[in-house]
C-alpha atoms as a PDB file:
ATOM      1  CA  UNK A   1       3.682  -6.575  17.954  1.00  0.00           C
ATOM      2  CA  UNK A   2       7.292  -5.514  17.477  1.00  0.00           C
ATOM      3  CA  UNK A   3       8.605  -4.148  14.212  1.00  0.00           C
ATOM      4  CA  UNK A   4      10.644  -6.309  11.861  1.00  0.00           C
ATOM      5  CA  UNK A   5      12.323  -6.022   8.478  1.00  0.00           C
ATOM      6  CA  UNK A   6      11.449  -8.737   5.970  1.00  0.00           C
ATOM      7  CA  UNK A   7      13.439  -9.128   2.778  1.00  0.00           C
ATOM      8  CA  UNK A   8      10.861  -9.802   0.073  1.00  0.00           C
ATOM      9  CA  UNK A   9      13.308  -9.824  -2.850  1.00  0.00           C
ATOM     10  CA  UNK A  10      16.850  -8.722  -3.675  1.00  0.00           C
ATOM     11  CA  UNK A  11      15.945  -5.020  -3.738  1.00  0.00           C
ATOM     12  CA  UNK A  12      12.760  -4.917  -1.663  1.00  0.00           C
ATOM     13  CA  UNK A  13      12.313  -4.966   2.119  1.00  0.00           C
ATOM     14  CA  UNK A  14       8.967  -4.765   3.926  1.00  0.00           C
ATOM     15  CA  UNK A  15       8.832  -3.209   7.392  1.00  0.00           C
ATOM     16  CA  UNK A  16       6.093  -4.698   9.556  1.00  0.00           C
ATOM     17  CA  UNK A  17       5.249  -2.242  12.322  1.00  0.00           C
ATOM     18  CA  UNK A  18       2.874  -1.657  15.198  1.00  0.00           C
ATOM     19  CA  UNK A  19      -0.364   0.326  15.088  1.00  0.00           C
ATOM     20  CA  UNK A  20      -2.719   0.144  18.054  1.00  0.00           C
ATOM     21  CA  UNK A  21      -6.435   0.859  17.914  1.00  0.00           C
ATOM     22  CA  UNK A  22      -8.014   2.090  21.160  1.00  0.00           C
ATOM     23  CA  UNK A  23      -4.583   1.962  22.695  1.00  0.00           C
ATOM     24  CA  UNK A  24      -4.274  -1.791  23.003  1.00  0.00           C
ATOM     25  CA  UNK A  25      -5.479  -3.672  19.878  1.00  0.00           C
ATOM     26  CA  UNK A  26      -2.451  -3.930  17.601  1.00  0.00           C
ATOM     27  CA  UNK A  27      -3.553  -4.263  13.977  1.00  0.00           C
ATOM     28  CA  UNK A  28      -0.080  -3.524  12.618  1.00  0.00           C
ATOM     29  CA  UNK A  29       1.061  -1.274   9.801  1.00  0.00           C
ATOM     30  CA  UNK A  30       3.796  -1.231   7.181  1.00  0.00           C
ATOM     31  CA  UNK A  31       6.333   0.657   5.136  1.00  0.00           C
ATOM     32  CA  UNK A  32       8.708  -0.667   2.489  1.00  0.00           C
ATOM     33  CA  UNK A  33      12.308   0.123   1.645  1.00  0.00           C
ATOM     34  CA  UNK A  34      13.242  -0.302  -2.009  1.00  0.00           C
ATOM     35  CA  UNK A  35      16.629  -0.113  -3.716  1.00  0.00           C
ATOM     36  CA  UNK A  36      16.239   1.566  -7.088  1.00  0.00           C
ATOM     37  CA  UNK A  37      18.090   0.580 -10.244  1.00  0.00           C
ATOM     38  CA  UNK A  38      20.349   3.576  -9.555  1.00  0.00           C
ATOM     39  CA  UNK A  39      21.461   2.003  -6.266  1.00  0.00           C
ATOM     40  CA  UNK A  40      19.696   4.684  -4.209  1.00  0.00           C
ATOM     41  CA  UNK A  41      16.738   3.936  -1.911  1.00  0.00           C
ATOM     42  CA  UNK A  42      13.187   5.123  -1.399  1.00  0.00           C
ATOM     43  CA  UNK A  43      10.602   4.430   1.274  1.00  0.00           C
ATOM     44  CA  UNK A  44       7.033   3.567   0.399  1.00  0.00           C
ATOM     45  CA  UNK A  45       5.072   5.048   3.324  1.00  0.00           C
ATOM     46  CA  UNK A  46       6.423   6.315   6.627  1.00  0.00           C
ATOM     47  CA  UNK A  47       7.237   4.482   9.833  1.00  0.00           C
ATOM     48  CA  UNK A  48       9.191   5.325  12.988  1.00  0.00           C
ATOM     49  CA  UNK A  49      12.207   3.024  12.946  1.00  0.00           C
ATOM     50  CA  UNK A  50      13.965   1.849  16.078  1.00  0.00           C
ATOM     51  CA  UNK A  51      16.132  -0.929  17.464  1.00  0.00           C
ATOM     52  CA  UNK A  52      17.382  -3.645  15.154  1.00  0.00           C
ATOM     53  CA  UNK A  53      15.172  -2.501  12.251  1.00  0.00           C
ATOM     54  CA  UNK A  54      16.687   0.978  12.346  1.00  0.00           C
ATOM     55  CA  UNK A  55      20.191  -0.495  12.499  1.00  0.00           C
ATOM     56  CA  UNK A  56      19.510  -2.729   9.491  1.00  0.00           C
ATOM     57  CA  UNK A  57      18.041   0.136   7.480  1.00  0.00           C
ATOM     58  CA  UNK A  58      20.959   2.409   8.378  1.00  0.00           C
ATOM     59  CA  UNK A  59      23.411  -0.265   7.253  1.00  0.00           C
ATOM     60  CA  UNK A  60      21.611  -0.738   3.939  1.00  0.00           C
ATOM     61  CA  UNK A  61      21.264   2.969   3.193  1.00  0.00           C
ATOM     62  CA  UNK A  62      24.676   4.240   4.373  1.00  0.00           C
ATOM     63  CA  UNK A  63      23.110   5.805   7.477  1.00  0.00           C
ATOM     64  CA  UNK A  64      20.291   7.258   5.404  1.00  0.00           C
ATOM     65  CA  UNK A  65      22.559   9.120   2.994  1.00  0.00           C
ATOM     66  CA  UNK A  66      21.321   7.010   0.073  1.00  0.00           C
ATOM     67  CA  UNK A  67      17.611   7.579   0.780  1.00  0.00           C
ATOM     68  CA  UNK A  68      16.426   9.907  -1.981  1.00  0.00           C
ATOM     69  CA  UNK A  69      12.652   9.911  -1.478  1.00  0.00           C
ATOM     70  CA  UNK A  70       9.751   8.981   0.769  1.00  0.00           C
ATOM     71  CA  UNK A  71       6.421   8.318  -0.965  1.00  0.00           C
ATOM     72  CA  UNK A  72       3.393   8.410   1.340  1.00  0.00           C
ATOM     73  CA  UNK A  73       0.698   6.438  -0.448  1.00  0.00           C
ATOM     74  CA  UNK A  74      -2.320   6.346   1.870  1.00  0.00           C
ATOM     75  CA  UNK A  75      -4.136   9.624   2.632  1.00  0.00           C
ATOM     76  CA  UNK A  76      -4.969   8.593   6.205  1.00  0.00           C
ATOM     77  CA  UNK A  77      -1.567   7.183   7.194  1.00  0.00           C
ATOM     78  CA  UNK A  78       0.050  10.253   8.751  1.00  0.00           C
ATOM     79  CA  UNK A  79       1.292   9.315  12.239  1.00  0.00           C
ATOM     80  CA  UNK A  80       4.924   8.590  11.318  1.00  0.00           C
ATOM     81  CA  UNK A  81       5.469  11.335   8.732  1.00  0.00           C
ATOM     82  CA  UNK A  82       7.222  13.779  11.056  1.00  0.00           C
ATOM     83  CA  UNK A  83       9.777  11.156  12.095  1.00  0.00           C
ATOM     84  CA  UNK A  84      10.694  10.501   8.468  1.00  0.00           C
ATOM     85  CA  UNK A  85      11.155  14.214   7.772  1.00  0.00           C
ATOM     86  CA  UNK A  86      13.383  14.598  10.829  1.00  0.00           C
ATOM     87  CA  UNK A  87      15.521  11.548  10.098  1.00  0.00           C
ATOM     88  CA  UNK A  88      15.774  11.847   6.306  1.00  0.00           C
ATOM     89  CA  UNK A  89      15.936  15.625   5.797  1.00  0.00           C
ATOM     90  CA  UNK A  90      17.773  15.404   2.477  1.00  0.00           C
ATOM     91  CA  UNK A  91      15.197  13.095   0.878  1.00  0.00           C
ATOM     92  CA  UNK A  92      12.319  14.371  -1.257  1.00  0.00           C
ATOM     93  CA  UNK A  93       9.085  13.789   0.674  1.00  0.00           C
ATOM     94  CA  UNK A  94       5.871  13.244  -1.286  1.00  0.00           C
ATOM     95  CA  UNK A  95       2.381  12.930   0.170  1.00  0.00           C
ATOM     96  CA  UNK A  96      -1.199  12.714  -0.970  1.00  0.00           C
ATOM     97  CA  UNK A  97      -3.302  15.873  -1.080  1.00  0.00           C
ATOM     98  CA  UNK A  98      -4.513  15.065   2.433  1.00  0.00           C
ATOM     99  CA  UNK A  99      -0.943  14.846   3.760  1.00  0.00           C
ATOM    100  CA  UNK A 100      -0.193  18.284   2.381  1.00  0.00           C
ATOM    101  CA  UNK A 101      -3.369  19.801   3.817  1.00  0.00           C
ATOM    102  CA  UNK A 102      -3.057  18.167   7.242  1.00  0.00           C
ATOM    103  CA  UNK A 103       0.666  18.828   7.658  1.00  0.00           C
ATOM    104  CA  UNK A 104       1.178  22.096   5.737  1.00  0.00           C
ATOM    105  CA  UNK A 105       4.266  23.204   7.659  1.00  0.00           C
ATOM    106  CA  UNK A 106       6.402  20.341   6.362  1.00  0.00           C
ATOM    107  CA  UNK A 107       8.650  20.741   3.334  1.00  0.00           C
ATOM    108  CA  UNK A 108       6.592  18.661   0.908  1.00  0.00           C
ATOM    109  CA  UNK A 109       7.344  18.289  -2.769  1.00  0.00           C
ATOM    110  CA  UNK A 110       4.763  20.249  -4.811  1.00  0.00           C
ATOM    111  CA  UNK A 111       3.149  17.284  -6.571  1.00  0.00           C
ATOM    112  CA  UNK A 112       1.196  14.564  -4.776  1.00  0.00           C
ATOM    113  CA  UNK A 113       1.701  10.808  -4.919  1.00  0.00           C
ATOM    114  CA  UNK A 114      -1.635  10.359  -6.693  1.00  0.00           C
ATOM    115  CA  UNK A 115      -0.472  12.735  -9.457  1.00  0.00           C
ATOM    116  CA  UNK A 116       0.888  11.264 -12.722  1.00  0.00           C
ATOM    117  CA  UNK A 117       3.709  13.836 -12.600  1.00  0.00           C
ATOM    118  CA  UNK A 118       5.048  12.356  -9.363  1.00  0.00           C
ATOM    119  CA  UNK A 119       4.624   8.796 -10.563  1.00  0.00           C
ATOM    120  CA  UNK A 120       6.529   9.559 -13.755  1.00  0.00           C
ATOM    121  CA  UNK A 121       9.598  10.482 -11.680  1.00  0.00           C
ATOM    122  CA  UNK A 122       9.895   6.864 -10.543  1.00  0.00           C
ATOM    123  CA  UNK A 123       8.721   5.096 -13.700  1.00  0.00           C
ATOM    124  CA  UNK A 124      12.057   3.354 -14.267  1.00  0.00           C
ATOM    125  CA  UNK A 125      11.382   1.266 -11.174  1.00  0.00           C
ATOM    126  CA  UNK A 126       7.639   1.419 -10.480  1.00  0.00           C
ATOM    127  CA  UNK A 127       4.172   1.461 -11.895  1.00  0.00           C
ATOM    128  CA  UNK A 128       1.438   3.086  -9.825  1.00  0.00           C
ATOM    129  CA  UNK A 129      -2.323   2.717  -9.797  1.00  0.00           C
ATOM    130  CA  UNK A 130      -5.073   4.807  -8.174  1.00  0.00           C
ATOM    131  CA  UNK A 131      -8.527   3.215  -7.836  1.00  0.00           C
ATOM    132  CA  UNK A 132     -11.218   4.792  -9.998  1.00  0.00           C
ATOM    133  CA  UNK A 133     -14.943   5.001  -9.327  1.00  0.00           C
ATOM    134  CA  UNK A 134     -14.335   5.462  -5.588  1.00  0.00           C
ATOM    135  CA  UNK A 135     -13.532   8.400  -3.322  1.00  0.00           C
ATOM    136  CA  UNK A 136      -9.766   8.663  -3.001  1.00  0.00           C
ATOM    137  CA  UNK A 137     -10.107  10.758   0.170  1.00  0.00           C
ATOM    138  CA  UNK A 138     -13.368   9.937   1.913  1.00  0.00           C
ATOM    139  CA  UNK A 139     -15.291  12.598   3.817  1.00  0.00           C
ATOM    140  CA  UNK A 140     -15.668   9.978   6.548  1.00  0.00           C
ATOM    141  CA  UNK A 141     -12.269   9.853   8.244  1.00  0.00           C
ATOM    142  CA  UNK A 142     -12.975   6.319   9.457  1.00  0.00           C
ATOM    143  CA  UNK A 143     -13.184   5.023   5.883  1.00  0.00           C
ATOM    144  CA  UNK A 144      -9.729   4.166   4.555  1.00  0.00           C
ATOM    145  CA  UNK A 145     -10.332   2.186   1.371  1.00  0.00           C
ATOM    146  CA  UNK A 146      -8.326   4.070  -1.230  1.00  0.00           C
ATOM    147  CA  UNK A 147      -4.568   4.363  -1.597  1.00  0.00           C
ATOM    148  CA  UNK A 148      -1.959   4.624  -4.325  1.00  0.00           C
ATOM    149  CA  UNK A 149      -0.852   1.090  -5.195  1.00  0.00           C
ATOM    150  CA  UNK A 150       2.829   0.714  -6.114  1.00  0.00           C
ATOM    151  CA  UNK A 151       4.216  -2.122  -8.244  1.00  0.00           C
ATOM    152  CA  UNK A 152       7.978  -2.579  -8.072  1.00  0.00           C
ATOM    153  CA  UNK A 153       8.916  -3.937 -11.467  1.00  0.00           C
ATOM    154  CA  UNK A 154      12.171  -5.778 -10.784  1.00  0.00           C
ATOM    155  CA  UNK A 155      10.915  -7.660  -7.704  1.00  0.00           C
ATOM    156  CA  UNK A 156       7.355  -8.048  -9.036  1.00  0.00           C
ATOM    157  CA  UNK A 157       6.013  -6.802  -5.711  1.00  0.00           C
ATOM    158  CA  UNK A 158       2.842  -4.814  -4.999  1.00  0.00           C
ATOM    159  CA  UNK A 159       2.859  -2.493  -1.986  1.00  0.00           C
ATOM    160  CA  UNK A 160      -0.740  -1.643  -1.026  1.00  0.00           C
ATOM    161  CA  UNK A 161      -2.358   0.010   1.985  1.00  0.00           C
ATOM    162  CA  UNK A 162      -5.896  -0.995   2.974  1.00  0.00           C
ATOM    163  CA  UNK A 163      -7.336  -1.193  -0.567  1.00  0.00           C
ATOM    164  CA  UNK A 164      -6.372  -4.872  -0.644  1.00  0.00           C
ATOM    165  CA  UNK A 165      -5.987  -7.029   2.457  1.00  0.00           C
ATOM    166  CA  UNK A 166      -4.273 -10.379   2.890  1.00  0.00           C
ATOM    167  CA  UNK A 167      -5.274 -12.529   5.836  1.00  0.00           C
ATOM    168  CA  UNK A 168      -3.041 -15.489   6.630  1.00  0.00           C
ATOM    169  CA  UNK A 169      -4.688 -17.829   9.106  1.00  0.00           C
ATOM    170  CA  UNK A 170      -2.732 -19.674  11.819  1.00  0.00           C
ATOM    171  CA  UNK A 171      -1.283 -23.034  10.843  1.00  0.00           C
ATOM    172  CA  UNK A 172      -3.772 -24.972  12.979  1.00  0.00           C
ATOM    173  CA  UNK A 173      -6.755 -23.393  11.212  1.00  0.00           C
ATOM    174  CA  UNK A 174      -5.194 -24.091   7.811  1.00  0.00           C
ATOM    175  CA  UNK A 175      -4.688 -27.705   8.896  1.00  0.00           C
ATOM    176  CA  UNK A 176      -8.474 -28.001   9.186  1.00  0.00           C
ATOM    177  CA  UNK A 177      -8.967 -26.780   5.629  1.00  0.00           C
ATOM    178  CA  UNK A 178      -9.493 -23.065   6.205  1.00  0.00           C
ATOM    179  CA  UNK A 179      -7.489 -21.093   3.674  1.00  0.00           C
ATOM    180  CA  UNK A 180      -5.855 -17.684   3.707  1.00  0.00           C
ATOM    181  CA  UNK A 181      -7.562 -14.928   1.746  1.00  0.00           C
ATOM    182  CA  UNK A 182      -6.819 -11.889  -0.394  1.00  0.00           C
ATOM    183  CA  UNK A 183      -9.748  -9.474  -0.420  1.00  0.00           C
ATOM    184  CA  UNK A 184     -10.782  -5.872  -0.878  1.00  0.00           C
ATOM    185  CA  UNK A 185     -11.121  -3.653   2.170  1.00  0.00           C
ATOM    186  CA  UNK A 186     -14.627  -4.051   3.650  1.00  0.00           C
ATOM    187  CA  UNK A 187     -15.432  -0.330   3.318  1.00  0.00           C
ATOM    188  CA  UNK A 188     -15.790  -0.537  -0.480  1.00  0.00           C
ATOM    189  CA  UNK A 189     -19.567   0.056  -0.370  1.00  0.00           C
ATOM    190  CA  UNK A 190     -19.002   3.337   1.481  1.00  0.00           C
ATOM    191  CA  UNK A 191     -16.528   4.794  -1.021  1.00  0.00           C
ATOM    192  CA  UNK A 192     -18.100   3.917  -4.373  1.00  0.00           C
ATOM    193  CA  UNK A 193     -19.040   7.236  -5.928  1.00  0.00           C
ATOM    194  CA  UNK A 194     -22.773   7.914  -5.892  1.00  0.00           C
ATOM    195  CA  UNK A 195     -23.115   8.423  -9.625  1.00  0.00           C
ATOM    196  CA  UNK A 196     -23.871   6.569 -12.798  1.00  0.00           C
ATOM    197  CA  UNK A 197     -20.879   4.667 -14.144  1.00  0.00           C
ATOM    198  CA  UNK A 198     -18.921   4.487 -10.900  1.00  0.00           C
ATOM    199  CA  UNK A 199     -19.024   0.700 -10.741  1.00  0.00           C
ATOM    200  CA  UNK A 200     -17.954   0.387 -14.363  1.00  0.00           C
ATOM    201  CA  UNK A 201     -15.055   2.741 -13.702  1.00  0.00           C
ATOM    202  CA  UNK A 202     -14.024   0.568 -10.754  1.00  0.00           C
ATOM    203  CA  UNK A 203     -14.301  -2.592 -12.842  1.00  0.00           C
ATOM    204  CA  UNK A 204     -12.218  -1.046 -15.623  1.00  0.00           C
ATOM    205  CA  UNK A 205      -9.578   0.085 -13.130  1.00  0.00           C
ATOM    206  CA  UNK A 206      -9.264  -3.342 -11.622  1.00  0.00           C
ATOM    207  CA  UNK A 207      -9.264  -5.063 -15.004  1.00  0.00           C
ATOM    208  CA  UNK A 208      -6.337  -2.914 -16.127  1.00  0.00           C
ATOM    209  CA  UNK A 209      -4.447  -3.564 -12.891  1.00  0.00           C
ATOM    210  CA  UNK A 210      -4.976  -7.329 -13.058  1.00  0.00           C
ATOM    211  CA  UNK A 211      -3.810  -7.448 -16.675  1.00  0.00           C
ATOM    212  CA  UNK A 212      -0.879  -5.049 -16.411  1.00  0.00           C
ATOM    213  CA  UNK A 213       0.420  -6.584 -13.182  1.00  0.00           C
ATOM    214  CA  UNK A 214      -0.288 -10.189 -14.115  1.00  0.00           C
ATOM    215  CA  UNK A 215       3.297 -11.233 -13.350  1.00  0.00           C
ATOM    216  CA  UNK A 216       3.107 -10.127  -9.692  1.00  0.00           C
ATOM    217  CA  UNK A 217       4.829 -12.527  -7.288  1.00  0.00           C
ATOM    218  CA  UNK A 218       4.634 -10.736  -3.919  1.00  0.00           C
ATOM    219  CA  UNK A 219       2.125  -8.495  -2.185  1.00  0.00           C
ATOM    220  CA  UNK A 220       2.711  -6.372   0.928  1.00  0.00           C
ATOM    221  CA  UNK A 221      -0.493  -5.170   2.592  1.00  0.00           C
ATOM    222  CA  UNK A 222      -0.942  -2.814   5.538  1.00  0.00           C
ATOM    223  CA  UNK A 223      -2.468  -3.998   8.815  1.00  0.00           C
ATOM    224  CA  UNK A 224      -2.296  -7.660   7.823  1.00  0.00           C
ATOM    225  CA  UNK A 225       0.819  -9.358   6.465  1.00  0.00           C
ATOM    226  CA  UNK A 226       2.925  -9.986   3.383  1.00  0.00           C
ATOM    227  CA  UNK A 227       2.110 -12.580   0.738  1.00  0.00           C
ATOM    228  CA  UNK A 228       5.444 -13.780  -0.587  1.00  0.00           C
ATOM    229  CA  UNK A 229       5.932 -15.940  -3.692  1.00  0.00           C
ATOM    230  CA  UNK A 230       4.916 -19.475  -2.805  1.00  0.00           C
ATOM    231  CA  UNK A 231       3.172 -22.560  -4.098  1.00  0.00           C
ATOM    232  CA  UNK A 232      -0.589 -22.518  -4.526  1.00  0.00           C
ATOM    233  CA  UNK A 233      -2.754 -20.033  -6.423  1.00  0.00           C
ATOM    234  CA  UNK A 234      -0.884 -17.147  -8.039  1.00  0.00           C
ATOM    235  CA  UNK A 235      -1.493 -13.644  -6.732  1.00  0.00           C
ATOM    236  CA  UNK A 236      -3.077 -12.823 -10.087  1.00  0.00           C
ATOM    237  CA  UNK A 237      -5.608 -15.615  -9.557  1.00  0.00           C
ATOM    238  CA  UNK A 238      -6.180 -14.464  -5.992  1.00  0.00           C
ATOM    239  CA  UNK A 239      -6.884 -10.933  -7.257  1.00  0.00           C
ATOM    240  CA  UNK A 240      -9.478 -12.225  -9.704  1.00  0.00           C
ATOM    241  CA  UNK A 241     -11.103 -14.222  -6.908  1.00  0.00           C
ATOM    242  CA  UNK A 242     -11.166 -11.130  -4.692  1.00  0.00           C
ATOM    243  CA  UNK A 243     -13.070  -9.304  -7.432  1.00  0.00           C
ATOM    244  CA  UNK A 244     -15.653 -12.077  -7.590  1.00  0.00           C
ATOM    245  CA  UNK A 245     -16.258 -11.797  -3.856  1.00  0.00           C
ATOM    246  CA  UNK A 246     -17.399  -8.172  -4.156  1.00  0.00           C
ATOM    247  CA  UNK A 247     -19.846  -8.744  -7.033  1.00  0.00           C
ATOM    248  CA  UNK A 248     -22.846  -8.441  -4.722  1.00  0.00           C
ATOM    249  CA  UNK A 249     -21.648  -5.056  -3.456  1.00  0.00           C
ATOM    250  CA  UNK A 250     -20.952  -3.784  -6.965  1.00  0.00           C
ATOM    251  CA  UNK A 251     -24.293  -4.952  -8.355  1.00  0.00           C
ATOM    252  CA  UNK A 252     -26.229  -3.388  -5.479  1.00  0.00           C
ATOM    253  CA  UNK A 253     -24.553  -0.035  -6.069  1.00  0.00           C
ATOM    254  CA  UNK A 254     -25.028  -0.283  -9.833  1.00  0.00           C
ATOM    255  CA  UNK A 255     -28.727  -1.055  -9.491  1.00  0.00           C
ATOM    256  CA  UNK A 256     -29.172   2.099  -7.414  1.00  0.00           C
ATOM    257  CA  UNK A 257     -26.988   4.566  -9.313  1.00  0.00           C
ATOM    258  CA  UNK A 258     -26.478   3.003 -12.726  1.00  0.00           C
END
């Protein structure tokens, strides 16, 4: 899978990249480039750019001079961080607490992307949301459910890593009535906090997200693909349906922990 730059909206570009599991199964990954209201740019997540994608990004950003920040939003997405530091040395680089602990020698900004103080710096252009009732950084390094979700206000686009997944089936399968699907990452059961009230906290978090971001038109998800404004069910409706699909998981956890 080669990398490509997809223009989602006037000020939002999604970079679809390659990420291979076991050295040969390419499940893909992503980063996004966003032009702020100020005219400057930020990256959501890190990715090693090359070829035509690098040339396009350089053209958009005046050879990187207009990139002011890189926001790493998923604790376990760390592979491409060094490249971003080397190629955008004048940008402010933000990471989650895990980024800072795993890569302590890099010149990180002092606050993390999950911190309200960091999110407030970009509030003219974005709203952010961190799942509640679940482990943000799991002790099991194979469990990658949680991330900081970013909602770009002017393009009405959600950038999300792993927490939500969008699967678009091939045209032939859709011809036979099989539909695409927006769903939560399958590791949800493993990250729900083992305490009373965790499920209710998760429900409340999602309810606030669904209400506050009701006008969403596009969704960019890691490891799968982008869901761009189109006919059919709205993304808001798809989000509500995704919540219904995990009811069994939530009820099982609630019956055990309260």
